mmCIF file of all heavy atoms, coordinates in Angstrom:
data_MODEL
# 
_entry.id   MODEL 
# 
loop_
_atom_site.group_PDB 
_atom_site.id 
_atom_site.type_symbol 
_atom_site.label_atom_id 
_atom_site.label_alt_id 
_atom_site.label_comp_id 
_atom_site.label_asym_id 
_atom_site.label_entity_id 
_atom_site.label_seq_id 
_atom_site.pdbx_PDB_ins_code 
_atom_site.Cartn_x 
_atom_site.Cartn_y 
_atom_site.Cartn_z 
_atom_site.occupancy 
_atom_site.B_iso_or_equiv 
_atom_site.pdbx_formal_charge 
_atom_site.auth_seq_id 
_atom_site.auth_comp_id 
_atom_site.auth_asym_id 
_atom_site.auth_atom_id 
_atom_site.pdbx_PDB_model_num 
ATOM 1   N N   . ILE A 1 1  ? 9.586  -61.397 140.580 1.00 0.00 ? 1  ILE A N   1 
ATOM 2   C CA  . ILE A 1 1  ? 9.584  -59.967 140.289 1.00 0.00 ? 1  ILE A CA  1 
ATOM 3   C C   . ILE A 1 1  ? 9.346  -59.219 141.593 1.00 0.00 ? 1  ILE A C   1 
ATOM 4   O O   . ILE A 1 1  ? 8.425  -59.526 142.339 1.00 0.00 ? 1  ILE A O   1 
ATOM 5   C CB  . ILE A 1 1  ? 8.497  -59.614 139.252 1.00 0.00 ? 1  ILE A CB  1 
ATOM 6   C CG1 . ILE A 1 1  ? 8.762  -60.330 137.921 1.00 0.00 ? 1  ILE A CG1 1 
ATOM 7   C CG2 . ILE A 1 1  ? 8.392  -58.106 139.062 1.00 0.00 ? 1  ILE A CG2 1 
ATOM 8   C CD1 . ILE A 1 1  ? 10.081 -59.983 137.263 1.00 0.00 ? 1  ILE A CD1 1 
ATOM 9   N N   . ARG A 1 2  ? 10.193 -58.211 141.866 1.00 0.00 ? 2  ARG A N   1 
ATOM 10  C CA  . ARG A 1 2  ? 10.116 -57.487 143.132 1.00 0.00 ? 2  ARG A CA  1 
ATOM 11  C C   . ARG A 1 2  ? 9.566  -56.070 142.998 1.00 0.00 ? 2  ARG A C   1 
ATOM 12  O O   . ARG A 1 2  ? 9.016  -55.540 143.955 1.00 0.00 ? 2  ARG A O   1 
ATOM 13  C CB  . ARG A 1 2  ? 11.487 -57.437 143.761 1.00 0.00 ? 2  ARG A CB  1 
ATOM 14  C CG  . ARG A 1 2  ? 12.004 -58.824 144.095 1.00 0.00 ? 2  ARG A CG  1 
ATOM 15  C CD  . ARG A 1 2  ? 13.322 -58.753 144.772 1.00 0.00 ? 2  ARG A CD  1 
ATOM 16  N NE  . ARG A 1 2  ? 13.267 -57.920 145.955 1.00 0.00 ? 2  ARG A NE  1 
ATOM 17  C CZ  . ARG A 1 2  ? 13.436 -58.354 147.184 1.00 0.00 ? 2  ARG A CZ  1 
ATOM 18  N NH1 . ARG A 1 2  ? 13.655 -59.616 147.395 1.00 0.00 ? 2  ARG A NH1 1 
ATOM 19  N NH2 . ARG A 1 2  ? 13.412 -57.524 148.198 1.00 0.00 ? 2  ARG A NH2 1 
ATOM 20  N N   . ALA A 1 3  ? 9.786  -55.432 141.838 1.00 0.00 ? 3  ALA A N   1 
ATOM 21  C CA  . ALA A 1 3  ? 9.394  -54.024 141.712 1.00 0.00 ? 3  ALA A CA  1 
ATOM 22  C C   . ALA A 1 3  ? 9.514  -53.581 140.261 1.00 0.00 ? 3  ALA A C   1 
ATOM 23  O O   . ALA A 1 3  ? 10.152 -54.246 139.451 1.00 0.00 ? 3  ALA A O   1 
ATOM 24  C CB  . ALA A 1 3  ? 10.302 -53.151 142.578 1.00 0.00 ? 3  ALA A CB  1 
ATOM 25  N N   . LEU A 1 4  ? 8.906  -52.448 139.973 1.00 0.00 ? 4  LEU A N   1 
ATOM 26  C CA  . LEU A 1 4  ? 9.173  -51.760 138.714 1.00 0.00 ? 4  LEU A CA  1 
ATOM 27  C C   . LEU A 1 4  ? 10.565 -51.154 138.845 1.00 0.00 ? 4  LEU A C   1 
ATOM 28  O O   . LEU A 1 4  ? 10.843 -50.435 139.806 1.00 0.00 ? 4  LEU A O   1 
ATOM 29  C CB  . LEU A 1 4  ? 8.145  -50.645 138.465 1.00 0.00 ? 4  LEU A CB  1 
ATOM 30  C CG  . LEU A 1 4  ? 8.398  -49.766 137.244 1.00 0.00 ? 4  LEU A CG  1 
ATOM 31  C CD1 . LEU A 1 4  ? 8.234  -50.575 135.967 1.00 0.00 ? 4  LEU A CD1 1 
ATOM 32  C CD2 . LEU A 1 4  ? 7.452  -48.584 137.240 1.00 0.00 ? 4  LEU A CD2 1 
ATOM 33  N N   . HIS A 1 5  ? 11.453 -51.470 137.927 1.00 0.00 ? 5  HIS A N   1 
ATOM 34  C CA  . HIS A 1 5  ? 12.820 -50.952 137.994 1.00 0.00 ? 5  HIS A CA  1 
ATOM 35  C C   . HIS A 1 5  ? 12.915 -49.599 137.291 1.00 0.00 ? 5  HIS A C   1 
ATOM 36  O O   . HIS A 1 5  ? 13.443 -48.648 137.851 1.00 0.00 ? 5  HIS A O   1 
ATOM 37  C CB  . HIS A 1 5  ? 13.789 -51.955 137.367 1.00 0.00 ? 5  HIS A CB  1 
ATOM 38  C CG  . HIS A 1 5  ? 15.216 -51.586 137.549 1.00 0.00 ? 5  HIS A CG  1 
ATOM 39  N ND1 . HIS A 1 5  ? 15.907 -50.852 136.614 1.00 0.00 ? 5  HIS A ND1 1 
ATOM 40  C CD2 . HIS A 1 5  ? 16.077 -51.833 138.552 1.00 0.00 ? 5  HIS A CD2 1 
ATOM 41  C CE1 . HIS A 1 5  ? 17.143 -50.679 137.042 1.00 0.00 ? 5  HIS A CE1 1 
ATOM 42  N NE2 . HIS A 1 5  ? 17.276 -51.267 138.212 1.00 0.00 ? 5  HIS A NE2 1 
ATOM 43  N N   . HIS A 1 6  ? 12.403 -49.515 136.065 1.00 0.00 ? 6  HIS A N   1 
ATOM 44  C CA  . HIS A 1 6  ? 12.408 -48.249 135.341 1.00 0.00 ? 6  HIS A CA  1 
ATOM 45  C C   . HIS A 1 6  ? 11.470 -48.305 134.149 1.00 0.00 ? 6  HIS A C   1 
ATOM 46  O O   . HIS A 1 6  ? 10.997 -49.369 133.772 1.00 0.00 ? 6  HIS A O   1 
ATOM 47  C CB  . HIS A 1 6  ? 13.829 -47.862 134.884 1.00 0.00 ? 6  HIS A CB  1 
ATOM 48  C CG  . HIS A 1 6  ? 14.398 -48.757 133.831 1.00 0.00 ? 6  HIS A CG  1 
ATOM 49  N ND1 . HIS A 1 6  ? 15.202 -49.842 134.137 1.00 0.00 ? 6  HIS A ND1 1 
ATOM 50  C CD2 . HIS A 1 6  ? 14.300 -48.748 132.479 1.00 0.00 ? 6  HIS A CD2 1 
ATOM 51  C CE1 . HIS A 1 6  ? 15.569 -50.435 133.017 1.00 0.00 ? 6  HIS A CE1 1 
ATOM 52  N NE2 . HIS A 1 6  ? 15.036 -49.794 131.995 1.00 0.00 ? 6  HIS A NE2 1 
ATOM 53  N N   . ILE A 1 7  ? 11.245 -47.141 133.575 1.00 0.00 ? 7  ILE A N   1 
ATOM 54  C CA  . ILE A 1 7  ? 10.506 -47.004 132.319 1.00 0.00 ? 7  ILE A CA  1 
ATOM 55  C C   . ILE A 1 7  ? 11.510 -46.506 131.292 1.00 0.00 ? 7  ILE A C   1 
ATOM 56  O O   . ILE A 1 7  ? 12.204 -45.512 131.527 1.00 0.00 ? 7  ILE A O   1 
ATOM 57  C CB  . ILE A 1 7  ? 9.345  -46.002 132.470 1.00 0.00 ? 7  ILE A CB  1 
ATOM 58  C CG1 . ILE A 1 7  ? 8.379  -46.482 133.558 1.00 0.00 ? 7  ILE A CG1 1 
ATOM 59  C CG2 . ILE A 1 7  ? 8.632  -45.792 131.129 1.00 0.00 ? 7  ILE A CG2 1 
ATOM 60  C CD1 . ILE A 1 7  ? 7.418  -45.419 134.023 1.00 0.00 ? 7  ILE A CD1 1 
ATOM 61  N N   . GLY A 1 8  ? 11.621 -47.218 130.160 1.00 0.00 ? 8  GLY A N   1 
ATOM 62  C CA  . GLY A 1 8  ? 12.546 -46.836 129.101 1.00 0.00 ? 8  GLY A CA  1 
ATOM 63  C C   . GLY A 1 8  ? 11.845 -46.006 128.042 1.00 0.00 ? 8  GLY A C   1 
ATOM 64  O O   . GLY A 1 8  ? 10.780 -46.391 127.557 1.00 0.00 ? 8  GLY A O   1 
ATOM 65  N N   . ILE A 1 9  ? 12.442 -44.869 127.688 1.00 0.00 ? 9  ILE A N   1 
ATOM 66  C CA  . ILE A 1 9  ? 11.861 -43.965 126.700 1.00 0.00 ? 9  ILE A CA  1 
ATOM 67  C C   . ILE A 1 9  ? 12.879 -43.730 125.589 1.00 0.00 ? 9  ILE A C   1 
ATOM 68  O O   . ILE A 1 9  ? 14.009 -43.283 125.847 1.00 0.00 ? 9  ILE A O   1 
ATOM 69  C CB  . ILE A 1 9  ? 11.452 -42.629 127.352 1.00 0.00 ? 9  ILE A CB  1 
ATOM 70  C CG1 . ILE A 1 9  ? 10.398 -42.901 128.432 1.00 0.00 ? 9  ILE A CG1 1 
ATOM 71  C CG2 . ILE A 1 9  ? 10.954 -41.642 126.306 1.00 0.00 ? 9  ILE A CG2 1 
ATOM 72  C CD1 . ILE A 1 9  ? 10.010 -41.703 129.237 1.00 0.00 ? 9  ILE A CD1 1 
ATOM 73  N N   . ALA A 1 10 ? 12.498 -44.038 124.364 1.00 0.00 ? 10 ALA A N   1 
ATOM 74  C CA  . ALA A 1 10 ? 13.368 -43.845 123.210 1.00 0.00 ? 10 ALA A CA  1 
ATOM 75  C C   . ALA A 1 10 ? 13.368 -42.375 122.798 1.00 0.00 ? 10 ALA A C   1 
ATOM 76  O O   . ALA A 1 10 ? 12.309 -41.754 122.699 1.00 0.00 ? 10 ALA A O   1 
ATOM 77  C CB  . ALA A 1 10 ? 12.896 -44.713 122.047 1.00 0.00 ? 10 ALA A CB  1 
ATOM 78  N N   . VAL A 1 11 ? 14.574 -41.843 122.586 1.00 0.00 ? 11 VAL A N   1 
ATOM 79  C CA  . VAL A 1 11 ? 14.735 -40.463 122.120 1.00 0.00 ? 11 VAL A CA  1 
ATOM 80  C C   . VAL A 1 11 ? 15.771 -40.450 120.989 1.00 0.00 ? 11 VAL A C   1 
ATOM 81  O O   . VAL A 1 11 ? 16.626 -41.327 120.919 1.00 0.00 ? 11 VAL A O   1 
ATOM 82  C CB  . VAL A 1 11 ? 15.181 -39.511 123.266 1.00 0.00 ? 11 VAL A CB  1 
ATOM 83  C CG1 . VAL A 1 11 ? 14.147 -39.479 124.380 1.00 0.00 ? 11 VAL A CG1 1 
ATOM 84  C CG2 . VAL A 1 11 ? 16.545 -39.874 123.812 1.00 0.00 ? 11 VAL A CG2 1 
ATOM 85  N N   . HIS A 1 12 ? 15.668 -39.445 120.140 1.00 0.00 ? 12 HIS A N   1 
ATOM 86  C CA  . HIS A 1 12 ? 16.652 -39.319 119.062 1.00 0.00 ? 12 HIS A CA  1 
ATOM 87  C C   . HIS A 1 12 ? 17.997 -38.846 119.594 1.00 0.00 ? 12 HIS A C   1 
ATOM 88  O O   . HIS A 1 12 ? 19.046 -39.262 119.096 1.00 0.00 ? 12 HIS A O   1 
ATOM 89  C CB  . HIS A 1 12 ? 16.158 -38.355 117.977 1.00 0.00 ? 12 HIS A CB  1 
ATOM 90  C CG  . HIS A 1 12 ? 15.007 -38.891 117.175 1.00 0.00 ? 12 HIS A CG  1 
ATOM 91  N ND1 . HIS A 1 12 ? 15.153 -39.903 116.262 1.00 0.00 ? 12 HIS A ND1 1 
ATOM 92  C CD2 . HIS A 1 12 ? 13.696 -38.563 117.169 1.00 0.00 ? 12 HIS A CD2 1 
ATOM 93  C CE1 . HIS A 1 12 ? 13.978 -40.177 115.709 1.00 0.00 ? 12 HIS A CE1 1 
ATOM 94  N NE2 . HIS A 1 12 ? 13.081 -39.372 116.254 1.00 0.00 ? 12 HIS A NE2 1 
ATOM 95  N N   . SER A 1 13 ? 17.976 -37.961 120.586 1.00 0.00 ? 13 SER A N   1 
ATOM 96  C CA  . SER A 1 13 ? 19.212 -37.353 121.085 1.00 0.00 ? 13 SER A CA  1 
ATOM 97  C C   . SER A 1 13 ? 19.099 -37.077 122.580 1.00 0.00 ? 13 SER A C   1 
ATOM 98  O O   . SER A 1 13 ? 18.159 -36.382 123.011 1.00 0.00 ? 13 SER A O   1 
ATOM 99  C CB  . SER A 1 13 ? 19.469 -36.047 120.341 1.00 0.00 ? 13 SER A CB  1 
ATOM 100 O OG  . SER A 1 13 ? 20.429 -35.266 121.005 1.00 0.00 ? 13 SER A OG  1 
ATOM 101 N N   . LEU A 1 14 ? 20.038 -37.597 123.354 1.00 0.00 ? 14 LEU A N   1 
ATOM 102 C CA  . LEU A 1 14 ? 20.079 -37.278 124.783 1.00 0.00 ? 14 LEU A CA  1 
ATOM 103 C C   . LEU A 1 14 ? 20.329 -35.788 124.990 1.00 0.00 ? 14 LEU A C   1 
ATOM 104 O O   . LEU A 1 14 ? 19.730 -35.168 125.883 1.00 0.00 ? 14 LEU A O   1 
ATOM 105 C CB  . LEU A 1 14 ? 21.152 -38.091 125.501 1.00 0.00 ? 14 LEU A CB  1 
ATOM 106 C CG  . LEU A 1 14 ? 20.915 -39.590 125.631 1.00 0.00 ? 14 LEU A CG  1 
ATOM 107 C CD1 . LEU A 1 14 ? 22.068 -40.243 126.379 1.00 0.00 ? 14 LEU A CD1 1 
ATOM 108 C CD2 . LEU A 1 14 ? 19.595 -39.898 126.299 1.00 0.00 ? 14 LEU A CD2 1 
ATOM 109 N N   . ASP A 1 15 ? 21.207 -35.197 124.168 1.00 0.00 ? 15 ASP A N   1 
ATOM 110 C CA  . ASP A 1 15 ? 21.519 -33.773 124.309 1.00 0.00 ? 15 ASP A CA  1 
ATOM 111 C C   . ASP A 1 15 ? 20.274 -32.905 124.145 1.00 0.00 ? 15 ASP A C   1 
ATOM 112 O O   . ASP A 1 15 ? 20.120 -31.901 124.838 1.00 0.00 ? 15 ASP A O   1 
ATOM 113 C CB  . ASP A 1 15 ? 22.584 -33.344 123.294 1.00 0.00 ? 15 ASP A CB  1 
ATOM 114 C CG  . ASP A 1 15 ? 23.956 -33.934 123.601 1.00 0.00 ? 15 ASP A CG  1 
ATOM 115 O OD1 . ASP A 1 15 ? 24.193 -34.321 124.773 1.00 0.00 ? 15 ASP A OD1 1 
ATOM 116 O OD2 . ASP A 1 15 ? 24.779 -34.017 122.676 1.00 0.00 ? 15 ASP A OD2 1 
ATOM 117 N N   . GLU A 1 16 ? 19.386 -33.307 123.242 1.00 0.00 ? 16 GLU A N   1 
ATOM 118 C CA  . GLU A 1 16 ? 18.156 -32.540 123.032 1.00 0.00 ? 16 GLU A CA  1 
ATOM 119 C C   . GLU A 1 16 ? 17.092 -32.873 124.073 1.00 0.00 ? 16 GLU A C   1 
ATOM 120 O O   . GLU A 1 16 ? 16.340 -32.000 124.495 1.00 0.00 ? 16 GLU A O   1 
ATOM 121 C CB  . GLU A 1 16 ? 17.605 -32.809 121.630 1.00 0.00 ? 16 GLU A CB  1 
ATOM 122 C CG  . GLU A 1 16 ? 18.480 -32.251 120.527 1.00 0.00 ? 16 GLU A CG  1 
ATOM 123 C CD  . GLU A 1 16 ? 17.970 -32.610 119.135 1.00 0.00 ? 16 GLU A CD  1 
ATOM 124 O OE1 . GLU A 1 16 ? 16.823 -33.101 119.013 1.00 0.00 ? 16 GLU A OE1 1 
ATOM 125 O OE2 . GLU A 1 16 ? 18.730 -32.409 118.182 1.00 0.00 ? 16 GLU A OE2 1 
ATOM 126 N N   . ALA A 1 17 ? 17.019 -34.118 124.505 1.00 0.00 ? 17 ALA A N   1 
ATOM 127 C CA  . ALA A 1 17 ? 15.957 -34.542 125.423 1.00 0.00 ? 17 ALA A CA  1 
ATOM 128 C C   . ALA A 1 17 ? 16.231 -34.175 126.871 1.00 0.00 ? 17 ALA A C   1 
ATOM 129 O O   . ALA A 1 17 ? 15.297 -33.816 127.605 1.00 0.00 ? 17 ALA A O   1 
ATOM 130 C CB  . ALA A 1 17 ? 15.751 -36.053 125.301 1.00 0.00 ? 17 ALA A CB  1 
ATOM 131 N N   . LEU A 1 18 ? 17.472 -34.276 127.311 1.00 0.00 ? 18 LEU A N   1 
ATOM 132 C CA  . LEU A 1 18 ? 17.772 -34.065 128.734 1.00 0.00 ? 18 LEU A CA  1 
ATOM 133 C C   . LEU A 1 18 ? 17.294 -32.722 129.288 1.00 0.00 ? 18 LEU A C   1 
ATOM 134 O O   . LEU A 1 18 ? 16.744 -32.686 130.393 1.00 0.00 ? 18 LEU A O   1 
ATOM 135 C CB  . LEU A 1 18 ? 19.262 -34.269 129.003 1.00 0.00 ? 18 LEU A CB  1 
ATOM 136 C CG  . LEU A 1 18 ? 19.668 -35.729 129.167 1.00 0.00 ? 18 LEU A CG  1 
ATOM 137 C CD1 . LEU A 1 18 ? 21.185 -35.874 129.188 1.00 0.00 ? 18 LEU A CD1 1 
ATOM 138 C CD2 . LEU A 1 18 ? 19.043 -36.337 130.410 1.00 0.00 ? 18 LEU A CD2 1 
ATOM 139 N N   . PRO A 1 19 ? 17.467 -31.607 128.584 1.00 0.00 ? 19 PRO A N   1 
ATOM 140 C CA  . PRO A 1 19 ? 16.971 -30.349 129.151 1.00 0.00 ? 19 PRO A CA  1 
ATOM 141 C C   . PRO A 1 19 ? 15.467 -30.365 129.447 1.00 0.00 ? 19 PRO A C   1 
ATOM 142 O O   . PRO A 1 19 ? 15.027 -29.787 130.449 1.00 0.00 ? 19 PRO A O   1 
ATOM 143 C CB  . PRO A 1 19 ? 17.316 -29.306 128.080 1.00 0.00 ? 19 PRO A CB  1 
ATOM 144 C CG  . PRO A 1 19 ? 18.497 -29.885 127.373 1.00 0.00 ? 19 PRO A CG  1 
ATOM 145 C CD  . PRO A 1 19 ? 18.235 -31.378 127.355 1.00 0.00 ? 19 PRO A CD  1 
ATOM 146 N N   . ARG A 1 20 ? 14.680 -31.041 128.622 1.00 0.00 ? 20 ARG A N   1 
ATOM 147 C CA  . ARG A 1 20 ? 13.234 -31.115 128.866 1.00 0.00 ? 20 ARG A CA  1 
ATOM 148 C C   . ARG A 1 20 ? 12.937 -31.885 130.151 1.00 0.00 ? 20 ARG A C   1 
ATOM 149 O O   . ARG A 1 20 ? 12.042 -31.529 130.907 1.00 0.00 ? 20 ARG A O   1 
ATOM 150 C CB  . ARG A 1 20 ? 12.526 -31.778 127.689 1.00 0.00 ? 20 ARG A CB  1 
ATOM 151 C CG  . ARG A 1 20 ? 12.514 -30.939 126.426 1.00 0.00 ? 20 ARG A CG  1 
ATOM 152 C CD  . ARG A 1 20 ? 11.608 -31.525 125.358 1.00 0.00 ? 20 ARG A CD  1 
ATOM 153 N NE  . ARG A 1 20 ? 12.081 -32.791 124.830 1.00 0.00 ? 20 ARG A NE  1 
ATOM 154 C CZ  . ARG A 1 20 ? 12.963 -32.917 123.831 1.00 0.00 ? 20 ARG A CZ  1 
ATOM 155 N NH1 . ARG A 1 20 ? 13.479 -31.849 123.260 1.00 0.00 ? 20 ARG A NH1 1 
ATOM 156 N NH2 . ARG A 1 20 ? 13.314 -34.106 123.397 1.00 0.00 ? 20 ARG A NH2 1 
ATOM 157 N N   . TRP A 1 21 ? 13.684 -32.950 130.393 1.00 0.00 ? 21 TRP A N   1 
ATOM 158 C CA  . TRP A 1 21 ? 13.433 -33.820 131.537 1.00 0.00 ? 21 TRP A CA  1 
ATOM 159 C C   . TRP A 1 21 ? 14.080 -33.289 132.814 1.00 0.00 ? 21 TRP A C   1 
ATOM 160 O O   . TRP A 1 21 ? 13.498 -33.408 133.895 1.00 0.00 ? 21 TRP A O   1 
ATOM 161 C CB  . TRP A 1 21 ? 13.927 -35.238 131.234 1.00 0.00 ? 21 TRP A CB  1 
ATOM 162 C CG  . TRP A 1 21 ? 13.114 -35.895 130.169 1.00 0.00 ? 21 TRP A CG  1 
ATOM 163 C CD1 . TRP A 1 21 ? 13.299 -35.819 128.825 1.00 0.00 ? 21 TRP A CD1 1 
ATOM 164 C CD2 . TRP A 1 21 ? 11.957 -36.696 130.357 1.00 0.00 ? 21 TRP A CD2 1 
ATOM 165 N NE1 . TRP A 1 21 ? 12.337 -36.537 128.157 1.00 0.00 ? 21 TRP A NE1 1 
ATOM 166 C CE2 . TRP A 1 21 ? 11.497 -37.091 129.086 1.00 0.00 ? 21 TRP A CE2 1 
ATOM 167 C CE3 . TRP A 1 21 ? 11.264 -37.145 131.480 1.00 0.00 ? 21 TRP A CE3 1 
ATOM 168 C CZ2 . TRP A 1 21 ? 10.388 -37.896 128.898 1.00 0.00 ? 21 TRP A CZ2 1 
ATOM 169 C CZ3 . TRP A 1 21 ? 10.154 -37.958 131.299 1.00 0.00 ? 21 TRP A CZ3 1 
ATOM 170 C CH2 . TRP A 1 21 ? 9.725  -38.316 130.020 1.00 0.00 ? 21 TRP A CH2 1 
ATOM 171 N N   . VAL A 1 22 ? 15.279 -32.721 132.693 1.00 0.00 ? 22 VAL A N   1 
ATOM 172 C CA  . VAL A 1 22 ? 16.003 -32.250 133.879 1.00 0.00 ? 22 VAL A CA  1 
ATOM 173 C C   . VAL A 1 22 ? 15.618 -30.810 134.210 1.00 0.00 ? 22 VAL A C   1 
ATOM 174 O O   . VAL A 1 22 ? 15.148 -30.526 135.317 1.00 0.00 ? 22 VAL A O   1 
ATOM 175 C CB  . VAL A 1 22 ? 17.532 -32.389 133.681 1.00 0.00 ? 22 VAL A CB  1 
ATOM 176 C CG1 . VAL A 1 22 ? 18.301 -31.790 134.848 1.00 0.00 ? 22 VAL A CG1 1 
ATOM 177 C CG2 . VAL A 1 22 ? 17.903 -33.863 133.501 1.00 0.00 ? 22 VAL A CG2 1 
ATOM 178 N N   . ASP A 1 23 ? 15.811 -29.898 133.276 1.00 0.00 ? 23 ASP A N   1 
ATOM 179 C CA  . ASP A 1 23 ? 15.501 -28.488 133.533 1.00 0.00 ? 23 ASP A CA  1 
ATOM 180 C C   . ASP A 1 23 ? 13.994 -28.248 133.543 1.00 0.00 ? 23 ASP A C   1 
ATOM 181 O O   . ASP A 1 23 ? 13.476 -27.555 134.420 1.00 0.00 ? 23 ASP A O   1 
ATOM 182 C CB  . ASP A 1 23 ? 16.155 -27.590 132.486 1.00 0.00 ? 23 ASP A CB  1 
ATOM 183 C CG  . ASP A 1 23 ? 17.673 -27.725 132.474 1.00 0.00 ? 23 ASP A CG  1 
ATOM 184 O OD1 . ASP A 1 23 ? 18.253 -28.069 133.525 1.00 0.00 ? 23 ASP A OD1 1 
ATOM 185 O OD2 . ASP A 1 23 ? 18.272 -27.502 131.401 1.00 0.00 ? 23 ASP A OD2 1 
ATOM 186 N N   . GLY A 1 24 ? 13.294 -28.815 132.562 1.00 0.00 ? 24 GLY A N   1 
ATOM 187 C CA  . GLY A 1 24 ? 11.850 -28.596 132.459 1.00 0.00 ? 24 GLY A CA  1 
ATOM 188 C C   . GLY A 1 24 ? 11.051 -29.275 133.555 1.00 0.00 ? 24 GLY A C   1 
ATOM 189 O O   . GLY A 1 24 ? 10.276 -28.632 134.263 1.00 0.00 ? 24 GLY A O   1 
ATOM 190 N N   . LEU A 1 25 ? 11.246 -30.588 133.723 1.00 0.00 ? 25 LEU A N   1 
ATOM 191 C CA  . LEU A 1 25 ? 10.462 -31.340 134.712 1.00 0.00 ? 25 LEU A CA  1 
ATOM 192 C C   . LEU A 1 25 ? 11.137 -31.418 136.074 1.00 0.00 ? 25 LEU A C   1 
ATOM 193 O O   . LEU A 1 25 ? 10.510 -31.830 137.050 1.00 0.00 ? 25 LEU A O   1 
ATOM 194 C CB  . LEU A 1 25 ? 10.187 -32.757 134.190 1.00 0.00 ? 25 LEU A CB  1 
ATOM 195 C CG  . LEU A 1 25 ? 9.272  -32.827 132.971 1.00 0.00 ? 25 LEU A CG  1 
ATOM 196 C CD1 . LEU A 1 25 ? 9.240  -34.247 132.418 1.00 0.00 ? 25 LEU A CD1 1 
ATOM 197 C CD2 . LEU A 1 25 ? 7.868  -32.355 133.331 1.00 0.00 ? 25 LEU A CD2 1 
ATOM 198 N N   . GLY A 1 26 ? 12.400 -31.068 136.132 1.00 0.00 ? 26 GLY A N   1 
ATOM 199 C CA  . GLY A 1 26 ? 13.101 -31.069 137.403 1.00 0.00 ? 26 GLY A CA  1 
ATOM 200 C C   . GLY A 1 26 ? 13.552 -32.437 137.891 1.00 0.00 ? 26 GLY A C   1 
ATOM 201 O O   . GLY A 1 26 ? 13.821 -32.614 139.081 1.00 0.00 ? 26 GLY A O   1 
ATOM 202 N N   . LEU A 1 27 ? 13.668 -33.404 136.977 1.00 0.00 ? 27 LEU A N   1 
ATOM 203 C CA  . LEU A 1 27 ? 14.130 -34.728 137.385 1.00 0.00 ? 27 LEU A CA  1 
ATOM 204 C C   . LEU A 1 27 ? 15.642 -34.699 137.600 1.00 0.00 ? 27 LEU A C   1 
ATOM 205 O O   . LEU A 1 27 ? 16.361 -33.912 136.999 1.00 0.00 ? 27 LEU A O   1 
ATOM 206 C CB  . LEU A 1 27 ? 13.769 -35.768 136.328 1.00 0.00 ? 27 LEU A CB  1 
ATOM 207 C CG  . LEU A 1 27 ? 12.283 -35.892 135.983 1.00 0.00 ? 27 LEU A CG  1 
ATOM 208 C CD1 . LEU A 1 27 ? 12.061 -37.060 135.047 1.00 0.00 ? 27 LEU A CD1 1 
ATOM 209 C CD2 . LEU A 1 27 ? 11.425 -36.017 137.221 1.00 0.00 ? 27 LEU A CD2 1 
ATOM 210 N N   . GLU A 1 28 ? 16.122 -35.585 138.456 1.00 0.00 ? 28 GLU A N   1 
ATOM 211 C CA  . GLU A 1 28 ? 17.543 -35.668 138.776 1.00 0.00 ? 28 GLU A CA  1 
ATOM 212 C C   . GLU A 1 28 ? 18.248 -36.606 137.799 1.00 0.00 ? 28 GLU A C   1 
ATOM 213 O O   . GLU A 1 28 ? 17.835 -37.747 137.629 1.00 0.00 ? 28 GLU A O   1 
ATOM 214 C CB  . GLU A 1 28 ? 17.700 -36.203 140.199 1.00 0.00 ? 28 GLU A CB  1 
ATOM 215 C CG  . GLU A 1 28 ? 19.132 -36.412 140.626 1.00 0.00 ? 28 GLU A CG  1 
ATOM 216 C CD  . GLU A 1 28 ? 19.242 -37.104 141.969 1.00 0.00 ? 28 GLU A CD  1 
ATOM 217 O OE1 . GLU A 1 28 ? 18.218 -37.480 142.571 1.00 0.00 ? 28 GLU A OE1 1 
ATOM 218 O OE2 . GLU A 1 28 ? 20.389 -37.288 142.420 1.00 0.00 ? 28 GLU A OE2 1 
# 
């Protein structure tokens, strides 16, 4: 094992979740 690759988060809808993560939190 070399590194943490990612954290997986279950959501009902990408269309609903993405604005919170991208626009709200500013993630790329």
